[in-house]
Amino acid sequence: MTTENAAQKVNIEKAAVEKAAVEEMAVGNGPVVPTEDEMRVLAVRRLRKQADFRTHLFIYVLVSGFLIAIWAWTGAGVFWPFFPIGGWGIGVAANAWDAFGRDPVTEQRIKREMERMRP
């Protein structure tokens, strides 16, 4: 059953069903093997995050260039664009990590963490 069919069957939003499926896989209630539909949902979500990151990065570079141009045009002594560029850069880095670098929660990682928690 696709997430869209499941959502229609219980009369809730498709996004809520997708979120629940992802959370179920992340919790690891037993050996969960994602179905083809669930893998598709995860892949589409990841590709959207990556596309959103590229848009974010483009806007960041564009605005940063604009701020530097204003600084150069006004002849201000202190390089004040460093502050918004640096602050926003932290957000861009976090967005990149979310889109490209986040490791999925696997059954192996869950078991390893449970072993560390045991006295």
PDB file of N, CA and C in Angstrom:
ATOM      1  N   MET A   1       0.851  -1.171   0.000  1.00  0.00           N
ATOM      2  CA  MET A   1       0.000   0.000   0.000  1.00  0.00           C
ATOM      3  C   MET A   1       0.899   1.236   0.000  1.00  0.00           C
ATOM      4  N   THR A   2       0.607   2.166  -0.878  1.00  0.00           N
ATOM      5  CA  THR A   2       1.403   3.390  -0.934  1.00  0.00           C
ATOM      6  C   THR A   2       1.002   4.311   0.202  1.00  0.00           C
ATOM      7  N   THR A   3       1.873   5.279   0.497  1.00  0.00           N
ATOM      8  CA  THR A   3       1.552   6.227   1.566  1.00  0.00           C
ATOM      9  C   THR A   3       0.345   7.071   1.203  1.00  0.00           C
ATOM     10  N   GLU A   4       0.174   7.341  -0.084  1.00  0.00           N
ATOM     11  CA  GLU A   4      -0.986   8.123  -0.502  1.00  0.00           C
ATOM     12  C   GLU A   4      -2.278   7.336  -0.263  1.00  0.00           C
ATOM     13  N   ASN A   5      -2.258   6.042  -0.611  1.00  0.00           N
ATOM     14  CA  ASN A   5      -3.436   5.204  -0.365  1.00  0.00           C
ATOM     15  C   ASN A   5      -3.721   5.085   1.125  1.00  0.00           C
ATOM     16  N   ALA A   6      -2.657   4.913   1.919  1.00  0.00           N
ATOM     17  CA  ALA A   6      -2.830   4.813   3.365  1.00  0.00           C
ATOM     18  C   ALA A   6      -3.411   6.097   3.920  1.00  0.00           C
ATOM     19  N   ALA A   7      -2.943   7.227   3.439  1.00  0.00           N
ATOM     20  CA  ALA A   7      -3.438   8.514   3.914  1.00  0.00           C
ATOM     21  C   ALA A   7      -4.914   8.692   3.577  1.00  0.00           C
ATOM     22  N   GLN A   8      -5.297   8.306   2.366  1.00  0.00           N
ATOM     23  CA  GLN A   8      -6.689   8.430   1.964  1.00  0.00           C
ATOM     24  C   GLN A   8      -7.575   7.487   2.767  1.00  0.00           C
ATOM     25  N   LYS A   9      -7.056   6.304   3.063  1.00  0.00           N
ATOM     26  CA  LYS A   9      -7.841   5.300   3.774  1.00  0.00           C
ATOM     27  C   LYS A   9      -8.198   5.761   5.180  1.00  0.00           C
ATOM     28  N   VAL A  10      -7.266   6.415   5.862  1.00  0.00           N
ATOM     29  CA  VAL A  10      -7.525   6.858   7.237  1.00  0.00           C
ATOM     30  C   VAL A  10      -7.824   8.345   7.316  1.00  0.00           C
ATOM     31  N   ASN A  11      -7.909   9.008   6.164  1.00  0.00           N
ATOM     32  CA  ASN A  11      -8.313  10.398   6.061  1.00  0.00           C
ATOM     33  C   ASN A  11      -7.371  11.344   6.819  1.00  0.00           C
ATOM     34  N   ILE A  12      -6.064  11.210   6.589  1.00  0.00           N
ATOM     35  CA  ILE A  12      -5.091  12.148   7.122  1.00  0.00           C
ATOM     36  C   ILE A  12      -4.157  12.569   5.996  1.00  0.00           C
ATOM     37  N   GLU A  13      -3.350  13.568   6.268  1.00  0.00           N
ATOM     38  CA  GLU A  13      -2.457  14.079   5.233  1.00  0.00           C
ATOM     39  C   GLU A  13      -1.383  13.057   4.873  1.00  0.00           C
ATOM     40  N   LYS A  14      -1.001  13.059   3.616  1.00  0.00           N
ATOM     41  CA  LYS A  14       0.037  12.150   3.130  1.00  0.00           C
ATOM     42  C   LYS A  14       1.357  12.393   3.864  1.00  0.00           C
ATOM     43  N   ALA A  15       1.670  13.652   4.139  1.00  0.00           N
ATOM     44  CA  ALA A  15       2.924  13.983   4.825  1.00  0.00           C
ATOM     45  C   ALA A  15       2.978  13.350   6.212  1.00  0.00           C
ATOM     46  N   ALA A  16       1.845  13.274   6.895  1.00  0.00           N
ATOM     47  CA  ALA A  16       1.812  12.665   8.226  1.00  0.00           C
ATOM     48  C   ALA A  16       2.102  11.166   8.145  1.00  0.00           C
ATOM     49  N   VAL A  17       1.571  10.512   7.127  1.00  0.00           N
ATOM     50  CA  VAL A  17       1.834   9.087   6.943  1.00  0.00           C
ATOM     51  C   VAL A  17       3.309   8.869   6.601  1.00  0.00           C
ATOM     52  N   GLU A  18       3.868   9.716   5.729  1.00  0.00           N
ATOM     53  CA  GLU A  18       5.283   9.605   5.376  1.00  0.00           C
ATOM     54  C   GLU A  18       6.169   9.806   6.601  1.00  0.00           C
ATOM     55  N   LYS A  19       5.829  10.794   7.420  1.00  0.00           N
ATOM     56  CA  LYS A  19       6.618  11.063   8.624  1.00  0.00           C
ATOM     57  C   LYS A  19       6.564   9.870   9.572  1.00  0.00           C
ATOM     58  N   ALA A  20       5.396   9.298   9.736  1.00  0.00           N
ATOM     59  CA  ALA A  20       5.258   8.141  10.616  1.00  0.00           C
ATOM     60  C   ALA A  20       6.060   6.953  10.094  1.00  0.00           C
ATOM     61  N   ALA A  21       6.071   6.768   8.783  1.00  0.00           N
ATOM     62  CA  ALA A  21       6.833   5.657   8.200  1.00  0.00           C
ATOM     63  C   ALA A  21       8.323   5.852   8.428  1.00  0.00           C
ATOM     64  N   VAL A  22       8.793   7.078   8.261  1.00  0.00           N
ATOM     65  CA  VAL A  22      10.211   7.371   8.478  1.00  0.00           C
ATOM     66  C   VAL A  22      10.565   7.190   9.949  1.00  0.00           C
ATOM     67  N   GLU A  23       9.711   7.687  10.855  1.00  0.00           N
ATOM     68  CA  GLU A  23       9.976   7.543  12.284  1.00  0.00           C
ATOM     69  C   GLU A  23       9.971   6.076  12.693  1.00  0.00           C
ATOM     70  N   GLU A  24       9.088   5.302  12.123  1.00  0.00           N
ATOM     71  CA  GLU A  24       9.036   3.869  12.433  1.00  0.00           C
ATOM     72  C   GLU A  24      10.326   3.186  12.021  1.00  0.00           C
ATOM     73  N   MET A  25      10.849   3.567  10.842  1.00  0.00           N
ATOM     74  CA  MET A  25      12.113   2.987  10.399  1.00  0.00           C
ATOM     75  C   MET A  25      13.257   3.434  11.298  1.00  0.00           C
ATOM     76  N   ALA A  26      13.208   4.701  11.763  1.00  0.00           N
ATOM     77  CA  ALA A  26      14.287   5.232  12.593  1.00  0.00           C
ATOM     78  C   ALA A  26      14.286   4.605  13.982  1.00  0.00           C
ATOM     79  N   VAL A  27      13.104   4.311  14.526  1.00  0.00           N
ATOM     80  CA  VAL A  27      13.020   3.729  15.865  1.00  0.00           C
ATOM     81  C   VAL A  27      13.551   2.308  15.861  1.00  0.00           C
ATOM     82  N   GLY A  28      13.315   1.587  14.823  1.00  0.00           N
ATOM     83  CA  GLY A  28      13.854   0.236  14.706  1.00  0.00           C
ATOM     84  C   GLY A  28      13.094  -0.793  15.515  1.00  0.00           C
ATOM     85  N   ASN A  29      11.783  -0.796  15.437  1.00  0.00           N
ATOM     86  CA  ASN A  29      10.972  -1.801  16.123  1.00  0.00           C
ATOM     87  C   ASN A  29      11.122  -3.134  15.408  1.00  0.00           C
ATOM     88  N   GLY A  30      12.176  -3.825  15.733  1.00  0.00           N
ATOM     89  CA  GLY A  30      12.447  -5.091  15.066  1.00  0.00           C
ATOM     90  C   GLY A  30      13.185  -4.842  13.771  1.00  0.00           C
ATOM     91  N   PRO A  31      13.442  -5.903  13.037  1.00  0.00           N
ATOM     92  CA  PRO A  31      14.159  -5.747  11.770  1.00  0.00           C
ATOM     93  C   PRO A  31      13.243  -5.166  10.709  1.00  0.00           C
ATOM     94  N   VAL A  32      13.273  -3.846  10.566  1.00  0.00           N
ATOM     95  CA  VAL A  32      12.412  -3.160   9.610  1.00  0.00           C
ATOM     96  C   VAL A  32      13.137  -3.061   8.280  1.00  0.00           C
ATOM     97  N   VAL A  33      12.543  -3.638   7.283  1.00  0.00           N
ATOM     98  CA  VAL A  33      13.074  -3.531   5.929  1.00  0.00           C
ATOM     99  C   VAL A  33      12.108  -2.637   5.176  1.00  0.00           C
ATOM    100  N   PRO A  34      12.580  -1.458   4.768  1.00  0.00           N
ATOM    101  CA  PRO A  34      11.670  -0.534   4.097  1.00  0.00           C
ATOM    102  C   PRO A  34      11.158  -1.114   2.784  1.00  0.00           C
ATOM    103  N   THR A  35       9.888  -0.847   2.531  1.00  0.00           N
ATOM    104  CA  THR A  35       9.295  -1.285   1.272  1.00  0.00           C
ATOM    105  C   THR A  35       9.789  -0.377   0.156  1.00  0.00           C
ATOM    106  N   GLU A  36       9.476  -0.747  -1.045  1.00  0.00           N
ATOM    107  CA  GLU A  36       9.871   0.059  -2.202  1.00  0.00           C
ATOM    108  C   GLU A  36       9.250   1.449  -2.127  1.00  0.00           C
ATOM    109  N   ASP A  37       7.983   1.532  -1.697  1.00  0.00           N
ATOM    110  CA  ASP A  37       7.316   2.826  -1.578  1.00  0.00           C
ATOM    111  C   ASP A  37       7.977   3.689  -0.501  1.00  0.00           C
ATOM    112  N   GLU A  38       8.343   3.073   0.623  1.00  0.00           N
ATOM    113  CA  GLU A  38       8.999   3.824   1.696  1.00  0.00           C
ATOM    114  C   GLU A  38      10.376   4.318   1.255  1.00  0.00           C
ATOM    115  N   MET A  39      11.097   3.490   0.522  1.00  0.00           N
ATOM    116  CA  MET A  39      12.398   3.910   0.014  1.00  0.00           C
ATOM    117  C   MET A  39      12.237   5.074  -0.971  1.00  0.00           C
ATOM    118  N   ARG A  40      11.194   5.011  -1.766  1.00  0.00           N
ATOM    119  CA  ARG A  40      10.928   6.109  -2.708  1.00  0.00           C
ATOM    120  C   ARG A  40      10.645   7.399  -1.956  1.00  0.00           C
ATOM    121  N   VAL A  41       9.845   7.321  -0.902  1.00  0.00           N
ATOM    122  CA  VAL A  41       9.527   8.504  -0.098  1.00  0.00           C
ATOM    123  C   VAL A  41      10.805   9.093   0.494  1.00  0.00           C
ATOM    124  N   LEU A  42      11.661   8.232   1.042  1.00  0.00           N
ATOM    125  CA  LEU A  42      12.924   8.701   1.622  1.00  0.00           C
ATOM    126  C   LEU A  42      13.824   9.328   0.566  1.00  0.00           C
ATOM    127  N   ALA A  43      13.894   8.700  -0.602  1.00  0.00           N
ATOM    128  CA  ALA A  43      14.741   9.224  -1.676  1.00  0.00           C
ATOM    129  C   ALA A  43      14.236  10.580  -2.163  1.00  0.00           C
ATOM    130  N   VAL A  44      12.924  10.702  -2.345  1.00  0.00           N
ATOM    131  CA  VAL A  44      12.346  11.974  -2.791  1.00  0.00           C
ATOM    132  C   VAL A  44      12.596  13.057  -1.745  1.00  0.00           C
ATOM    133  N   ARG A  45      12.411  12.725  -0.477  1.00  0.00           N
ATOM    134  CA  ARG A  45      12.641  13.692   0.592  1.00  0.00           C
ATOM    135  C   ARG A  45      14.102  14.155   0.598  1.00  0.00           C
ATOM    136  N   ARG A  46      15.026  13.227   0.432  1.00  0.00           N
ATOM    137  CA  ARG A  46      16.451  13.580   0.428  1.00  0.00           C
ATOM    138  C   ARG A  46      16.798  14.451  -0.777  1.00  0.00           C
ATOM    139  N   LEU A  47      16.264  14.109  -1.951  1.00  0.00           N
ATOM    140  CA  LEU A  47      16.524  14.912  -3.145  1.00  0.00           C
ATOM    141  C   LEU A  47      15.951  16.319  -3.007  1.00  0.00           C
ATOM    142  N   ARG A  48      14.783  16.443  -2.379  1.00  0.00           N
ATOM    143  CA  ARG A  48      14.205  17.774  -2.153  1.00  0.00           C
ATOM    144  C   ARG A  48      15.074  18.591  -1.208  1.00  0.00           C
ATOM    145  N   LYS A  49      15.585  17.951  -0.152  1.00  0.00           N
ATOM    146  CA  LYS A  49      16.476  18.658   0.772  1.00  0.00           C
ATOM    147  C   LYS A  49      17.725  19.141   0.053  1.00  0.00           C
ATOM    148  N   GLN A  50      18.266  18.318  -0.829  1.00  0.00           N
ATOM    149  CA  GLN A  50      19.463  18.700  -1.568  1.00  0.00           C
ATOM    150  C   GLN A  50      19.170  19.850  -2.529  1.00  0.00           C
ATOM    151  N   ALA A  51      18.020  19.817  -3.186  1.00  0.00           N
ATOM    152  CA  ALA A  51      17.643  20.909  -4.087  1.00  0.00           C
ATOM    153  C   ALA A  51      17.411  22.191  -3.293  1.00  0.00           C
ATOM    154  N   ASP A  52      16.764  22.068  -2.136  1.00  0.00           N
ATOM    155  CA  ASP A  52      16.548  23.235  -1.280  1.00  0.00           C
ATOM    156  C   ASP A  52      17.876  23.815  -0.802  1.00  0.00           C
ATOM    157  N   PHE A  53      18.837  22.953  -0.498  1.00  0.00           N
ATOM    158  CA  PHE A  53      20.149  23.437  -0.083  1.00  0.00           C
ATOM    159  C   PHE A  53      20.820  24.231  -1.201  1.00  0.00           C
ATOM    160  N   ARG A  54      20.753  23.728  -2.424  1.00  0.00           N
ATOM    161  CA  ARG A  54      21.377  24.439  -3.539  1.00  0.00           C
ATOM    162  C   ARG A  54      20.749  25.819  -3.730  1.00  0.00           C
ATOM    163  N   THR A  55      19.431  25.917  -3.559  1.00  0.00           N
ATOM    164  CA  THR A  55      18.756  27.212  -3.638  1.00  0.00           C
ATOM    165  C   THR A  55      19.235  28.119  -2.508  1.00  0.00           C
ATOM    166  N   HIS A  56      19.314  27.574  -1.299  1.00  0.00           N
ATOM    167  CA  HIS A  56      19.781  28.325  -0.138  1.00  0.00           C
ATOM    168  C   HIS A  56      21.196  28.846  -0.371  1.00  0.00           C
ATOM    169  N   LEU A  57      22.074  27.999  -0.872  1.00  0.00           N
ATOM    170  CA  LEU A  57      23.454  28.383  -1.129  1.00  0.00           C
ATOM    171  C   LEU A  57      23.535  29.486  -2.182  1.00  0.00           C
ATOM    172  N   PHE A  58      22.745  29.374  -3.244  1.00  0.00           N
ATOM    173  CA  PHE A  58      22.734  30.389  -4.294  1.00  0.00           C
ATOM    174  C   PHE A  58      22.320  31.745  -3.734  1.00  0.00           C
ATOM    175  N   ILE A  59      21.262  31.766  -2.942  1.00  0.00           N
ATOM    176  CA  ILE A  59      20.790  33.022  -2.354  1.00  0.00           C
ATOM    177  C   ILE A  59      21.831  33.582  -1.386  1.00  0.00           C
ATOM    178  N   TYR A  60      22.462  32.699  -0.609  1.00  0.00           N
ATOM    179  CA  TYR A  60      23.512  33.115   0.321  1.00  0.00           C
ATOM    180  C   TYR A  60      24.661  33.802  -0.412  1.00  0.00           C
ATOM    181  N   VAL A  61      25.127  33.208  -1.496  1.00  0.00           N
ATOM    182  CA  VAL A  61      26.227  33.778  -2.272  1.00  0.00           C
ATOM    183  C   VAL A  61      25.801  35.103  -2.900  1.00  0.00           C
ATOM    184  N   LEU A  62      24.596  35.159  -3.420  1.00  0.00           N
ATOM    185  CA  LEU A  62      24.079  36.370  -4.051  1.00  0.00           C
ATOM    186  C   LEU A  62      23.989  37.520  -3.044  1.00  0.00           C
ATOM    187  N   VAL A  63      23.374  37.274  -1.904  1.00  0.00           N
ATOM    188  CA  VAL A  63      23.220  38.316  -0.883  1.00  0.00           C
ATOM    189  C   VAL A  63      24.576  38.706  -0.310  1.00  0.00           C
ATOM    190  N   SER A  64      25.457  37.735  -0.091  1.00  0.00           N
ATOM    191  CA  SER A  64      26.795  38.041   0.422  1.00  0.00           C
ATOM    192  C   SER A  64      27.540  38.957  -0.541  1.00  0.00           C
ATOM    193  N   GLY A  65      27.464  38.662  -1.818  1.00  0.00           N
ATOM    194  CA  GLY A  65      28.090  39.522  -2.826  1.00  0.00           C
ATOM    195  C   GLY A  65      27.511  40.924  -2.812  1.00  0.00           C
ATOM    196  N   PHE A  66      26.199  41.012  -2.648  1.00  0.00           N
ATOM    197  CA  PHE A  66      25.532  42.309  -2.577  1.00  0.00           C
ATOM    198  C   PHE A  66      26.007  43.094  -1.356  1.00  0.00           C
ATOM    199  N   LEU A  67      26.135  42.422  -0.203  1.00  0.00           N
ATOM    200  CA  LEU A  67      26.608  43.095   1.011  1.00  0.00           C
ATOM    201  C   LEU A  67      28.054  43.576   0.847  1.00  0.00           C
ATOM    202  N   ILE A  68      28.880  42.760   0.223  1.00  0.00           N
ATOM    203  CA  ILE A  68      30.269  43.164  -0.015  1.00  0.00           C
ATOM    204  C   ILE A  68      30.326  44.346  -0.975  1.00  0.00           C
ATOM    205  N   ALA A  69      29.470  44.353  -1.978  1.00  0.00           N
ATOM    206  CA  ALA A  69      29.420  45.475  -2.924  1.00  0.00           C
ATOM    207  C   ALA A  69      29.007  46.759  -2.205  1.00  0.00           C
ATOM    208  N   ILE A  70      28.037  46.669  -1.306  1.00  0.00           N
ATOM    209  CA  ILE A  70      27.620  47.847  -0.530  1.00  0.00           C
ATOM    210  C   ILE A  70      28.775  48.348   0.324  1.00  0.00           C
ATOM    211  N   TRP A  71      29.468  47.423   0.977  1.00  0.00           N
ATOM    212  CA  TRP A  71      30.615  47.796   1.805  1.00  0.00           C
ATOM    213  C   TRP A  71      31.684  48.502   0.972  1.00  0.00           C
ATOM    214  N   ALA A  72      31.996  47.958  -0.191  1.00  0.00           N
ATOM    215  CA  ALA A  72      33.023  48.543  -1.057  1.00  0.00           C
ATOM    216  C   ALA A  72      32.587  49.902  -1.586  1.00  0.00           C
ATOM    217  N   TRP A  73      31.326  50.034  -1.937  1.00  0.00           N
ATOM    218  CA  TRP A  73      30.807  51.274  -2.504  1.00  0.00           C
ATOM    219  C   TRP A  73      30.775  52.394  -1.472  1.00  0.00           C
ATOM    220  N   THR A  74      30.441  52.048  -0.217  1.00  0.00           N
ATOM    221  CA  THR A  74      30.360  53.072   0.825  1.00  0.00           C
ATOM    222  C   THR A  74      31.720  53.449   1.383  1.00  0.00           C
ATOM    223  N   GLY A  75      32.735  52.631   1.160  1.00  0.00           N
ATOM    224  CA  GLY A  75      34.073  52.939   1.640  1.00  0.00           C
ATOM    225  C   GLY A  75      34.231  52.790   3.143  1.00  0.00           C
ATOM    226  N   ALA A  76      33.379  51.984   3.766  1.00  0.00           N
ATOM    227  CA  ALA A  76      33.473  51.760   5.208  1.00  0.00           C
ATOM    228  C   ALA A  76      34.791  51.064   5.519  1.00  0.00           C
ATOM    229  N   GLY A  77      35.415  51.444   6.620  1.00  0.00           N
ATOM    230  CA  GLY A  77      36.718  50.885   6.962  1.00  0.00           C
ATOM    231  C   GLY A  77      36.651  49.456   7.467  1.00  0.00           C
ATOM    232  N   VAL A  78      35.755  49.187   8.376  1.00  0.00           N
ATOM    233  CA  VAL A  78      35.637  47.857   8.973  1.00  0.00           C
ATOM    234  C   VAL A  78      34.835  46.965   8.023  1.00  0.00           C
ATOM    235  N   PHE A  79      35.306  45.761   7.825  1.00  0.00           N
ATOM    236  CA  PHE A  79      34.599  44.830   6.930  1.00  0.00           C
ATOM    237  C   PHE A  79      33.387  44.255   7.665  1.00  0.00           C
ATOM    238  N   TRP A  80      32.338  45.057   7.774  1.00  0.00           N
ATOM    239  CA  TRP A  80      31.138  44.664   8.504  1.00  0.00           C
ATOM    240  C   TRP A  80      30.354  43.517   7.856  1.00  0.00           C
ATOM    241  N   PRO A  81      30.438  43.264   6.536  1.00  0.00           N
ATOM    242  CA  PRO A  81      29.697  42.126   5.981  1.00  0.00           C
ATOM    243  C   PRO A  81      30.112  40.776   6.573  1.00  0.00           C
ATOM    244  N   PHE A  82      31.286  40.746   7.218  1.00  0.00           N
ATOM    245  CA  PHE A  82      31.727  39.503   7.845  1.00  0.00           C
ATOM    246  C   PHE A  82      30.681  38.966   8.824  1.00  0.00           C
ATOM    247  N   PHE A  83      30.027  39.847   9.561  1.00  0.00           N
ATOM    248  CA  PHE A  83      29.096  39.407  10.603  1.00  0.00           C
ATOM    249  C   PHE A  83      27.849  38.729  10.035  1.00  0.00           C
ATOM    250  N   PRO A  84      27.117  39.347   9.094  1.00  0.00           N
ATOM    251  CA  PRO A  84      25.974  38.609   8.540  1.00  0.00           C
ATOM    252  C   PRO A  84      26.394  37.403   7.697  1.00  0.00           C
ATOM    253  N   ILE A  85      27.522  37.531   6.968  1.00  0.00           N
ATOM    254  CA  ILE A  85      27.983  36.415   6.137  1.00  0.00           C
ATOM    255  C   ILE A  85      28.389  35.237   7.024  1.00  0.00           C
ATOM    256  N   GLY A  86      29.107  35.524   8.105  1.00  0.00           N
ATOM    257  CA  GLY A  86      29.523  34.457   9.024  1.00  0.00           C
ATOM    258  C   GLY A  86      28.349  33.810   9.736  1.00  0.00           C
ATOM    259  N   GLY A  87      27.432  34.628  10.231  1.00  0.00           N
ATOM    260  CA  GLY A  87      26.262  34.083  10.931  1.00  0.00           C
ATOM    261  C   GLY A  87      25.392  33.240  10.020  1.00  0.00           C
ATOM    262  N   TRP A  88      25.123  33.763   8.850  1.00  0.00           N
ATOM    263  CA  TRP A  88      24.304  33.029   7.893  1.00  0.00           C
ATOM    264  C   TRP A  88      25.050  31.788   7.398  1.00  0.00           C
ATOM    265  N   GLY A  89      26.373  31.880   7.321  1.00  0.00           N
ATOM    266  CA  GLY A  89      27.183  30.739   6.893  1.00  0.00           C
ATOM    267  C   GLY A  89      27.022  29.541   7.814  1.00  0.00           C
ATOM    268  N   ILE A  90      26.850  29.793   9.107  1.00  0.00           N
ATOM    269  CA  ILE A  90      26.598  28.702  10.053  1.00  0.00           C
ATOM    270  C   ILE A  90      25.303  27.983   9.678  1.00  0.00           C
ATOM    271  N   GLY A  91      24.284  28.756   9.332  1.00  0.00           N
ATOM    272  CA  GLY A  91      23.018  28.157   8.891  1.00  0.00           C
ATOM    273  C   GLY A  91      23.161  27.371   7.607  1.00  0.00           C
ATOM    274  N   VAL A  92      23.956  27.885   6.680  1.00  0.00           N
ATOM    275  CA  VAL A  92      24.190  27.176   5.409  1.00  0.00           C
ATOM    276  C   VAL A  92      24.909  25.855   5.673  1.00  0.00           C
ATOM    277  N   ALA A  93      25.894  25.890   6.583  1.00  0.00           N
ATOM    278  CA  ALA A  93      26.622  24.658   6.912  1.00  0.00           C
ATOM    279  C   ALA A  93      25.690  23.625   7.552  1.00  0.00           C
ATOM    280  N   ALA A  94      24.812  24.072   8.448  1.00  0.00           N
ATOM    281  CA  ALA A  94      23.857  23.152   9.070  1.00  0.00           C
ATOM    282  C   ALA A  94      22.897  22.581   8.032  1.00  0.00           C
ATOM    283  N   ASN A  95      22.476  23.419   7.101  1.00  0.00           N
ATOM    284  CA  ASN A  95      21.591  22.969   6.033  1.00  0.00           C
ATOM    285  C   ASN A  95      22.288  21.947   5.142  1.00  0.00           C
ATOM    286  N   ALA A  96      23.573  22.150   4.861  1.00  0.00           N
ATOM    287  CA  ALA A  96      24.341  21.196   4.055  1.00  0.00           C
ATOM    288  C   ALA A  96      24.470  19.863   4.778  1.00  0.00           C
ATOM    289  N   TRP A  97      24.727  19.906   6.059  1.00  0.00           N
ATOM    290  CA  TRP A  97      24.844  18.670   6.838  1.00  0.00           C
ATOM    291  C   TRP A  97      23.519  17.911   6.831  1.00  0.00           C
ATOM    292  N   ASP A  98      22.417  18.634   6.960  1.00  0.00           N
ATOM    293  CA  ASP A  98      21.105  17.988   6.946  1.00  0.00           C
ATOM    294  C   ASP A  98      20.806  17.366   5.586  1.00  0.00           C
ATOM    295  N   ALA A  99      21.196  18.038   4.516  1.00  0.00           N
ATOM    296  CA  ALA A  99      20.880  17.559   3.165  1.00  0.00           C
ATOM    297  C   ALA A  99      21.814  16.456   2.681  1.00  0.00           C
ATOM    298  N   PHE A 100      23.082  16.503   3.084  1.00  0.00           N
ATOM    299  CA  PHE A 100      24.062  15.583   2.508  1.00  0.00           C
ATOM    300  C   PHE A 100      24.759  14.678   3.512  1.00  0.00           C
ATOM    301  N   GLY A 101      24.891  15.099   4.764  1.00  0.00           N
ATOM    302  CA  GLY A 101      25.785  14.385   5.654  1.00  0.00           C
ATOM    303  C   GLY A 101      25.177  13.590   6.779  1.00  0.00           C
ATOM    304  N   ARG A 102      23.902  13.639   6.956  1.00  0.00           N
ATOM    305  CA  ARG A 102      23.283  12.959   8.090  1.00  0.00           C
ATOM    306  C   ARG A 102      23.246  11.456   7.862  1.00  0.00           C
ATOM    307  N   ASP A 103      23.774  10.711   8.834  1.00  0.00           N
ATOM    308  CA  ASP A 103      23.745   9.252   8.752  1.00  0.00           C
ATOM    309  C   ASP A 103      22.386   8.742   9.218  1.00  0.00           C
ATOM    310  N   PRO A 104      21.811   7.770   8.513  1.00  0.00           N
ATOM    311  CA  PRO A 104      20.527   7.220   8.961  1.00  0.00           C
ATOM    312  C   PRO A 104      20.709   6.367  10.210  1.00  0.00           C
ATOM    313  N   VAL A 105      19.657   6.287  11.003  1.00  0.00           N
ATOM    314  CA  VAL A 105      19.678   5.440  12.192  1.00  0.00           C
ATOM    315  C   VAL A 105      19.466   4.011  11.725  1.00  0.00           C
ATOM    316  N   THR A 106      20.441   3.160  12.008  1.00  0.00           N
ATOM    317  CA  THR A 106      20.346   1.766  11.595  1.00  0.00           C
ATOM    318  C   THR A 106      20.170   0.880  12.821  1.00  0.00           C
ATOM    319  N   GLU A 107      19.747  -0.323  12.573  1.00  0.00           N
ATOM    320  CA  GLU A 107      19.573  -1.290  13.661  1.00  0.00           C
ATOM    321  C   GLU A 107      20.902  -1.528  14.370  1.00  0.00           C
ATOM    322  N   GLN A 108      21.986  -1.585  13.625  1.00  0.00           N
ATOM    323  CA  GLN A 108      23.308  -1.794  14.211  1.00  0.00           C
ATOM    324  C   GLN A 108      23.676  -0.653  15.162  1.00  0.00           C
ATOM    325  N   ARG A 109      23.419   0.585  14.760  1.00  0.00           N
ATOM    326  CA  ARG A 109      23.723   1.726  15.634  1.00  0.00           C
ATOM    327  C   ARG A 109      22.859   1.699  16.886  1.00  0.00           C
ATOM    328  N   ILE A 110      21.601   1.295  16.754  1.00  0.00           N
ATOM    329  CA  ILE A 110      20.709   1.218  17.913  1.00  0.00           C
ATOM    330  C   ILE A 110      21.225   0.179  18.896  1.00  0.00           C
ATOM    331  N   LYS A 111      21.584  -0.990  18.403  1.00  0.00           N
ATOM    332  CA  LYS A 111      22.089  -2.050  19.277  1.00  0.00           C
ATOM    333  C   LYS A 111      23.385  -1.626  19.964  1.00  0.00           C
ATOM    334  N   ARG A 112      24.272  -0.957  19.227  1.00  0.00           N
ATOM    335  CA  ARG A 112      25.538  -0.489  19.805  1.00  0.00           C
ATOM    336  C   ARG A 112      25.274   0.521  20.931  1.00  0.00           C
ATOM    337  N   GLU A 113      24.327   1.409  20.714  1.00  0.00           N
ATOM    338  CA  GLU A 113      23.981   2.392  21.749  1.00  0.00           C
ATOM    339  C   GLU A 113      23.345   1.725  22.957  1.00  0.00           C
ATOM    340  N   MET A 114      22.510   0.730  22.718  1.00  0.00           N
ATOM    341  CA  MET A 114      21.895  -0.001  23.840  1.00  0.00           C
ATOM    342  C   MET A 114      22.959  -0.704  24.669  1.00  0.00           C
ATOM    343  N   GLU A 115      23.981  -1.262  24.002  1.00  0.00           N
ATOM    344  CA  GLU A 115      25.069  -1.929  24.717  1.00  0.00           C
ATOM    345  C   GLU A 115      25.845  -0.934  25.584  1.00  0.00           C
ATOM    346  N   ARG A 116      26.048   0.274  25.068  1.00  0.00           N
ATOM    347  CA  ARG A 116      26.767   1.292  25.847  1.00  0.00           C
ATOM    348  C   ARG A 116      25.958   1.731  27.062  1.00  0.00           C
ATOM    349  N   MET A 117      24.639   1.690  26.953  1.00  0.00           N
ATOM    350  CA  MET A 117      23.789   2.141  28.042  1.00  0.00           C
ATOM    351  C   MET A 117      23.681   1.126  29.164  1.00  0.00           C
ATOM    352  N   ARG A 118      23.944  -0.128  28.868  1.00  0.00           N
ATOM    353  CA  ARG A 118      23.823  -1.175  29.892  1.00  0.00           C
ATOM    354  C   ARG A 118      24.918  -1.021  30.935  1.00  0.00           C
ATOM    355  N   PRO A 119      24.565  -1.268  32.238  1.00  0.00           N
ATOM    356  CA  PRO A 119      25.579  -1.145  33.291  1.00  0.00           C
ATOM    357  C   PRO A 119      26.591  -2.268  33.278  1.00  0.00           C
TER     358      PRO A 119
END
